[in-house]
Amino acid sequence: MKAKDIQQMSKHEIEEKIIELKQELAKERATIASGTKSEHPGKIKNLRKDIARLFTILKTKKEKN
């Protein structure tokens, strides 16, 4: 997910996306914890980065208003 795409989203959309990505991250971690091999090894890293990017942009949007 690109920063430009996130900046065009509203605050509510960003918050919804954060929830969605956190659920997906939990699901990925659960599959790894159960002992199965992940189809996409770098997916957890990418999810964590996307969540951090969303939080950063959401914070800047809240500071502006």
PDB file of N, CA and C in Angstrom:
ATOM      1  N   MET A   1       0.838  -1.170   0.000  1.00  0.00           N
ATOM      2  CA  MET A   1       0.000   0.000   0.000  1.00  0.00           C
ATOM      3  C   MET A   1       0.891   1.244   0.000  1.00  0.00           C
ATOM      4  N   LYS A   2       0.619   2.126  -0.903  1.00  0.00           N
ATOM      5  CA  LYS A   2       1.425   3.333  -1.061  1.00  0.00           C
ATOM      6  C   LYS A   2       0.894   4.459  -0.178  1.00  0.00           C
ATOM      7  N   ALA A   3       1.791   5.342   0.231  1.00  0.00           N
ATOM      8  CA  ALA A   3       1.426   6.464   1.087  1.00  0.00           C
ATOM      9  C   ALA A   3       0.463   7.415   0.373  1.00  0.00           C
ATOM     10  N   LYS A   4       0.637   7.590  -0.920  1.00  0.00           N
ATOM     11  CA  LYS A   4      -0.254   8.480  -1.672  1.00  0.00           C
ATOM     12  C   LYS A   4      -1.686   7.963  -1.650  1.00  0.00           C
ATOM     13  N   ASP A   5      -1.835   6.648  -1.768  1.00  0.00           N
ATOM     14  CA  ASP A   5      -3.170   6.055  -1.728  1.00  0.00           C
ATOM     15  C   ASP A   5      -3.821   6.265  -0.368  1.00  0.00           C
ATOM     16  N   ILE A   6      -3.028   6.134   0.683  1.00  0.00           N
ATOM     17  CA  ILE A   6      -3.553   6.281   2.039  1.00  0.00           C
ATOM     18  C   ILE A   6      -3.953   7.726   2.300  1.00  0.00           C
ATOM     19  N   GLN A   7      -3.181   8.672   1.805  1.00  0.00           N
ATOM     20  CA  GLN A   7      -3.464  10.088   2.043  1.00  0.00           C
ATOM     21  C   GLN A   7      -4.779  10.515   1.402  1.00  0.00           C
ATOM     22  N   GLN A   8      -5.193   9.828   0.367  1.00  0.00           N
ATOM     23  CA  GLN A   8      -6.443  10.163  -0.300  1.00  0.00           C
ATOM     24  C   GLN A   8      -7.654   9.587   0.430  1.00  0.00           C
ATOM     25  N   MET A   9      -7.416   8.683   1.348  1.00  0.00           N
ATOM     26  CA  MET A   9      -8.500   8.058   2.106  1.00  0.00           C
ATOM     27  C   MET A   9      -8.952   8.976   3.231  1.00  0.00           C
ATOM     28  N   SER A  10     -10.204   8.802   3.660  1.00  0.00           N
ATOM     29  CA  SER A  10     -10.699   9.576   4.800  1.00  0.00           C
ATOM     30  C   SER A  10     -10.218   8.926   6.095  1.00  0.00           C
ATOM     31  N   LYS A  11     -10.393   9.639   7.202  1.00  0.00           N
ATOM     32  CA  LYS A  11      -9.966   9.112   8.500  1.00  0.00           C
ATOM     33  C   LYS A  11     -10.692   7.810   8.823  1.00  0.00           C
ATOM     34  N   HIS A  12     -11.977   7.783   8.526  1.00  0.00           N
ATOM     35  CA  HIS A  12     -12.784   6.595   8.817  1.00  0.00           C
ATOM     36  C   HIS A  12     -12.320   5.393   7.987  1.00  0.00           C
ATOM     37  N   GLU A  13     -12.010   5.629   6.732  1.00  0.00           N
ATOM     38  CA  GLU A  13     -11.524   4.547   5.861  1.00  0.00           C
ATOM     39  C   GLU A  13     -10.181   4.009   6.353  1.00  0.00           C
ATOM     40  N   ILE A  14      -9.324   4.905   6.818  1.00  0.00           N
ATOM     41  CA  ILE A  14      -8.016   4.489   7.340  1.00  0.00           C
ATOM     42  C   ILE A  14      -8.192   3.625   8.582  1.00  0.00           C
ATOM     43  N   GLU A  15      -9.084   4.049   9.468  1.00  0.00           N
ATOM     44  CA  GLU A  15      -9.323   3.277  10.681  1.00  0.00           C
ATOM     45  C   GLU A  15      -9.875   1.888  10.354  1.00  0.00           C
ATOM     46  N   GLU A  16     -10.763   1.803   9.375  1.00  0.00           N
ATOM     47  CA  GLU A  16     -11.307   0.509   8.952  1.00  0.00           C
ATOM     48  C   GLU A  16     -10.219  -0.373   8.360  1.00  0.00           C
ATOM     49  N   LYS A  17      -9.345   0.223   7.584  1.00  0.00           N
ATOM     50  CA  LYS A  17      -8.257  -0.528   6.960  1.00  0.00           C
ATOM     51  C   LYS A  17      -7.289  -1.053   8.018  1.00  0.00           C
ATOM     52  N   ILE A  18      -7.033  -0.267   9.051  1.00  0.00           N
ATOM     53  CA  ILE A  18      -6.161  -0.706  10.148  1.00  0.00           C
ATOM     54  C   ILE A  18      -6.745  -1.948  10.814  1.00  0.00           C
ATOM     55  N   ILE A  19      -8.037  -1.912  11.086  1.00  0.00           N
ATOM     56  CA  ILE A  19      -8.697  -3.065  11.711  1.00  0.00           C
ATOM     57  C   ILE A  19      -8.597  -4.285  10.818  1.00  0.00           C
ATOM     58  N   GLU A  20      -8.839  -4.093   9.539  1.00  0.00           N
ATOM     59  CA  GLU A  20      -8.782  -5.193   8.576  1.00  0.00           C
ATOM     60  C   GLU A  20      -7.379  -5.812   8.520  1.00  0.00           C
ATOM     61  N   LEU A  21      -6.363  -4.971   8.466  1.00  0.00           N
ATOM     62  CA  LEU A  21      -4.989  -5.473   8.380  1.00  0.00           C
ATOM     63  C   LEU A  21      -4.556  -6.142   9.680  1.00  0.00           C
ATOM     64  N   LYS A  22      -5.013  -5.628  10.817  1.00  0.00           N
ATOM     65  CA  LYS A  22      -4.679  -6.263  12.093  1.00  0.00           C
ATOM     66  C   LYS A  22      -5.281  -7.662  12.177  1.00  0.00           C
ATOM     67  N   GLN A  23      -6.496  -7.828  11.668  1.00  0.00           N
ATOM     68  CA  GLN A  23      -7.129  -9.144  11.654  1.00  0.00           C
ATOM     69  C   GLN A  23      -6.369 -10.102  10.740  1.00  0.00           C
ATOM     70  N   GLU A  24      -5.956  -9.596   9.601  1.00  0.00           N
ATOM     71  CA  GLU A  24      -5.189 -10.415   8.663  1.00  0.00           C
ATOM     72  C   GLU A  24      -3.839 -10.814   9.268  1.00  0.00           C
ATOM     73  N   LEU A  25      -3.201  -9.887   9.979  1.00  0.00           N
ATOM     74  CA  LEU A  25      -1.929 -10.173  10.640  1.00  0.00           C
ATOM     75  C   LEU A  25      -2.105 -11.248  11.706  1.00  0.00           C
ATOM     76  N   ALA A  26      -3.170 -11.152  12.475  1.00  0.00           N
ATOM     77  CA  ALA A  26      -3.435 -12.156  13.507  1.00  0.00           C
ATOM     78  C   ALA A  26      -3.661 -13.528  12.883  1.00  0.00           C
ATOM     79  N   LYS A  27      -4.348 -13.546  11.759  1.00  0.00           N
ATOM     80  CA  LYS A  27      -4.604 -14.812  11.066  1.00  0.00           C
ATOM     81  C   LYS A  27      -3.306 -15.434  10.562  1.00  0.00           C
ATOM     82  N   GLU A  28      -2.433 -14.606  10.015  1.00  0.00           N
ATOM     83  CA  GLU A  28      -1.136 -15.099   9.523  1.00  0.00           C
ATOM     84  C   GLU A  28      -0.291 -15.644  10.666  1.00  0.00           C
ATOM     85  N   ARG A  29      -0.269 -14.905  11.770  1.00  0.00           N
ATOM     86  CA  ARG A  29       0.511 -15.358  12.928  1.00  0.00           C
ATOM     87  C   ARG A  29      -0.038 -16.664  13.484  1.00  0.00           C
ATOM     88  N   ALA A  30      -1.359 -16.828  13.442  1.00  0.00           N
ATOM     89  CA  ALA A  30      -1.977 -18.054  13.942  1.00  0.00           C
ATOM     90  C   ALA A  30      -1.611 -19.248  13.061  1.00  0.00           C
ATOM     91  N   THR A  31      -1.568 -19.045  11.754  1.00  0.00           N
ATOM     92  CA  THR A  31      -1.207 -20.160  10.875  1.00  0.00           C
ATOM     93  C   THR A  31       0.243 -20.576  11.096  1.00  0.00           C
ATOM     94  N   ILE A  32       1.102 -19.626  11.334  1.00  0.00           N
ATOM     95  CA  ILE A  32       2.509 -19.950  11.587  1.00  0.00           C
ATOM     96  C   ILE A  32       2.652 -20.635  12.947  1.00  0.00           C
ATOM     97  N   ALA A  33       1.901 -20.163  13.939  1.00  0.00           N
ATOM     98  CA  ALA A  33       1.972 -20.748  15.275  1.00  0.00           C
ATOM     99  C   ALA A  33       1.441 -22.184  15.293  1.00  0.00           C
ATOM    100  N   SER A  34       0.517 -22.474  14.392  1.00  0.00           N
ATOM    101  CA  SER A  34      -0.034 -23.827  14.342  1.00  0.00           C
ATOM    102  C   SER A  34       0.932 -24.807  13.682  1.00  0.00           C
ATOM    103  N   GLY A  35       1.992 -24.291  13.113  1.00  0.00           N
ATOM    104  CA  GLY A  35       3.024 -25.150  12.552  1.00  0.00           C
ATOM    105  C   GLY A  35       2.999 -25.263  11.051  1.00  0.00           C
ATOM    106  N   THR A  36       2.027 -24.667  10.403  1.00  0.00           N
ATOM    107  CA  THR A  36       1.989 -24.729   8.948  1.00  0.00           C
ATOM    108  C   THR A  36       2.895 -23.661   8.351  1.00  0.00           C
ATOM    109  N   LYS A  37       3.355 -23.941   7.179  1.00  0.00           N
ATOM    110  CA  LYS A  37       4.261 -23.020   6.505  1.00  0.00           C
ATOM    111  C   LYS A  37       3.464 -21.946   5.772  1.00  0.00           C
ATOM    112  N   SER A  38       3.893 -20.724   5.879  1.00  0.00           N
ATOM    113  CA  SER A  38       3.210 -19.614   5.222  1.00  0.00           C
ATOM    114  C   SER A  38       3.496 -19.636   3.726  1.00  0.00           C
ATOM    115  N   GLU A  39       2.464 -19.310   2.944  1.00  0.00           N
ATOM    116  CA  GLU A  39       2.633 -19.258   1.492  1.00  0.00           C
ATOM    117  C   GLU A  39       3.491 -18.060   1.084  1.00  0.00           C
ATOM    118  N   HIS A  40       3.371 -16.994   1.835  1.00  0.00           N
ATOM    119  CA  HIS A  40       4.100 -15.759   1.553  1.00  0.00           C
ATOM    120  C   HIS A  40       4.964 -15.407   2.755  1.00  0.00           C
ATOM    121  N   PRO A  41       6.243 -15.740   2.739  1.00  0.00           N
ATOM    122  CA  PRO A  41       7.099 -15.539   3.907  1.00  0.00           C
ATOM    123  C   PRO A  41       7.227 -14.078   4.355  1.00  0.00           C
ATOM    124  N   GLY A  42       7.176 -13.135   3.449  1.00  0.00           N
ATOM    125  CA  GLY A  42       7.350 -11.731   3.811  1.00  0.00           C
ATOM    126  C   GLY A  42       6.059 -11.008   4.108  1.00  0.00           C
ATOM    127  N   LYS A  43       4.950 -11.731   4.156  1.00  0.00           N
ATOM    128  CA  LYS A  43       3.647 -11.092   4.319  1.00  0.00           C
ATOM    129  C   LYS A  43       3.501 -10.407   5.674  1.00  0.00           C
ATOM    130  N   ILE A  44       4.002 -11.020   6.734  1.00  0.00           N
ATOM    131  CA  ILE A  44       3.885 -10.425   8.070  1.00  0.00           C
ATOM    132  C   ILE A  44       4.639  -9.103   8.126  1.00  0.00           C
ATOM    133  N   LYS A  45       5.824  -9.092   7.550  1.00  0.00           N
ATOM    134  CA  LYS A  45       6.619  -7.864   7.529  1.00  0.00           C
ATOM    135  C   LYS A  45       5.888  -6.757   6.766  1.00  0.00           C
ATOM    136  N   ASN A  46       5.313  -7.107   5.633  1.00  0.00           N
ATOM    137  CA  ASN A  46       4.589  -6.116   4.838  1.00  0.00           C
ATOM    138  C   ASN A  46       3.339  -5.618   5.552  1.00  0.00           C
ATOM    139  N   LEU A  47       2.632  -6.514   6.225  1.00  0.00           N
ATOM    140  CA  LEU A  47       1.444  -6.108   6.970  1.00  0.00           C
ATOM    141  C   LEU A  47       1.809  -5.140   8.088  1.00  0.00           C
ATOM    142  N   ARG A  48       2.869  -5.441   8.815  1.00  0.00           N
ATOM    143  CA  ARG A  48       3.296  -4.562   9.906  1.00  0.00           C
ATOM    144  C   ARG A  48       3.685  -3.181   9.384  1.00  0.00           C
ATOM    145  N   LYS A  49       4.363  -3.144   8.255  1.00  0.00           N
ATOM    146  CA  LYS A  49       4.758  -1.858   7.669  1.00  0.00           C
ATOM    147  C   LYS A  49       3.541  -1.059   7.212  1.00  0.00           C
ATOM    148  N   ASP A  50       2.568  -1.757   6.595  1.00  0.00           N
ATOM    149  CA  ASP A  50       1.358  -1.075   6.142  1.00  0.00           C
ATOM    150  C   ASP A  50       0.573  -0.506   7.318  1.00  0.00           C
ATOM    151  N   ILE A  51       0.484  -1.271   8.403  1.00  0.00           N
ATOM    152  CA  ILE A  51      -0.234  -0.794   9.589  1.00  0.00           C
ATOM    153  C   ILE A  51       0.461   0.435  10.163  1.00  0.00           C
ATOM    154  N   ALA A  52       1.775   0.400  10.242  1.00  0.00           N
ATOM    155  CA  ALA A  52       2.530   1.551  10.753  1.00  0.00           C
ATOM    156  C   ALA A  52       2.344   2.763   9.845  1.00  0.00           C
ATOM    157  N   ARG A  53       2.341   2.537   8.549  1.00  0.00           N
ATOM    158  CA  ARG A  53       2.150   3.633   7.582  1.00  0.00           C
ATOM    159  C   ARG A  53       0.761   4.249   7.768  1.00  0.00           C
ATOM    160  N   LEU A  54      -0.250   3.403   7.956  1.00  0.00           N
ATOM    161  CA  LEU A  54      -1.610   3.897   8.171  1.00  0.00           C
ATOM    162  C   LEU A  54      -1.701   4.726   9.444  1.00  0.00           C
ATOM    163  N   PHE A  55      -1.102   4.238  10.529  1.00  0.00           N
ATOM    164  CA  PHE A  55      -1.125   4.980  11.788  1.00  0.00           C
ATOM    165  C   PHE A  55      -0.424   6.332  11.653  1.00  0.00           C
ATOM    166  N   THR A  56       0.684   6.370  10.944  1.00  0.00           N
ATOM    167  CA  THR A  56       1.435   7.611  10.778  1.00  0.00           C
ATOM    168  C   THR A  56       0.616   8.647  10.021  1.00  0.00           C
ATOM    169  N   ILE A  57       0.007   8.231   8.938  1.00  0.00           N
ATOM    170  CA  ILE A  57      -0.785   9.179   8.133  1.00  0.00           C
ATOM    171  C   ILE A  57      -2.045   9.598   8.887  1.00  0.00           C
ATOM    172  N   LEU A  58      -2.646   8.656   9.616  1.00  0.00           N
ATOM    173  CA  LEU A  58      -3.832   9.007  10.410  1.00  0.00           C
ATOM    174  C   LEU A  58      -3.472  10.052  11.466  1.00  0.00           C
ATOM    175  N   LYS A  59      -2.332   9.900  12.088  1.00  0.00           N
ATOM    176  CA  LYS A  59      -1.887  10.855  13.112  1.00  0.00           C
ATOM    177  C   LYS A  59      -1.680  12.239  12.505  1.00  0.00           C
ATOM    178  N   THR A  60      -1.067  12.308  11.334  1.00  0.00           N
ATOM    179  CA  THR A  60      -0.845  13.615  10.699  1.00  0.00           C
ATOM    180  C   THR A  60      -2.163  14.256  10.296  1.00  0.00           C
ATOM    181  N   LYS A  61      -3.129  13.444   9.872  1.00  0.00           N
ATOM    182  CA  LYS A  61      -4.440  13.998   9.509  1.00  0.00           C
ATOM    183  C   LYS A  61      -5.157  14.550  10.747  1.00  0.00           C
ATOM    184  N   LYS A  62      -5.017  13.869  11.880  1.00  0.00           N
ATOM    185  CA  LYS A  62      -5.659  14.330  13.107  1.00  0.00           C
ATOM    186  C   LYS A  62      -5.019  15.604  13.620  1.00  0.00           C
ATOM    187  N   GLU A  63      -3.709  15.745  13.431  1.00  0.00           N
ATOM    188  CA  GLU A  63      -2.994  16.945  13.878  1.00  0.00           C
ATOM    189  C   GLU A  63      -3.386  18.169  13.058  1.00  0.00           C
ATOM    190  N   LYS A  64      -3.693  17.962  11.789  1.00  0.00           N
ATOM    191  CA  LYS A  64      -4.064  19.079  10.927  1.00  0.00           C
ATOM    192  C   LYS A  64      -5.411  19.678  11.301  1.00  0.00           C
ATOM    193  N   ASN A  65      -6.288  18.850  11.835  1.00  0.00           N
ATOM    194  CA  ASN A  65      -7.641  19.346  12.163  1.00  0.00           C
ATOM    195  C   ASN A  65      -7.754  19.707  13.581  1.00  0.00           C
TER     196      ASN A  65
END
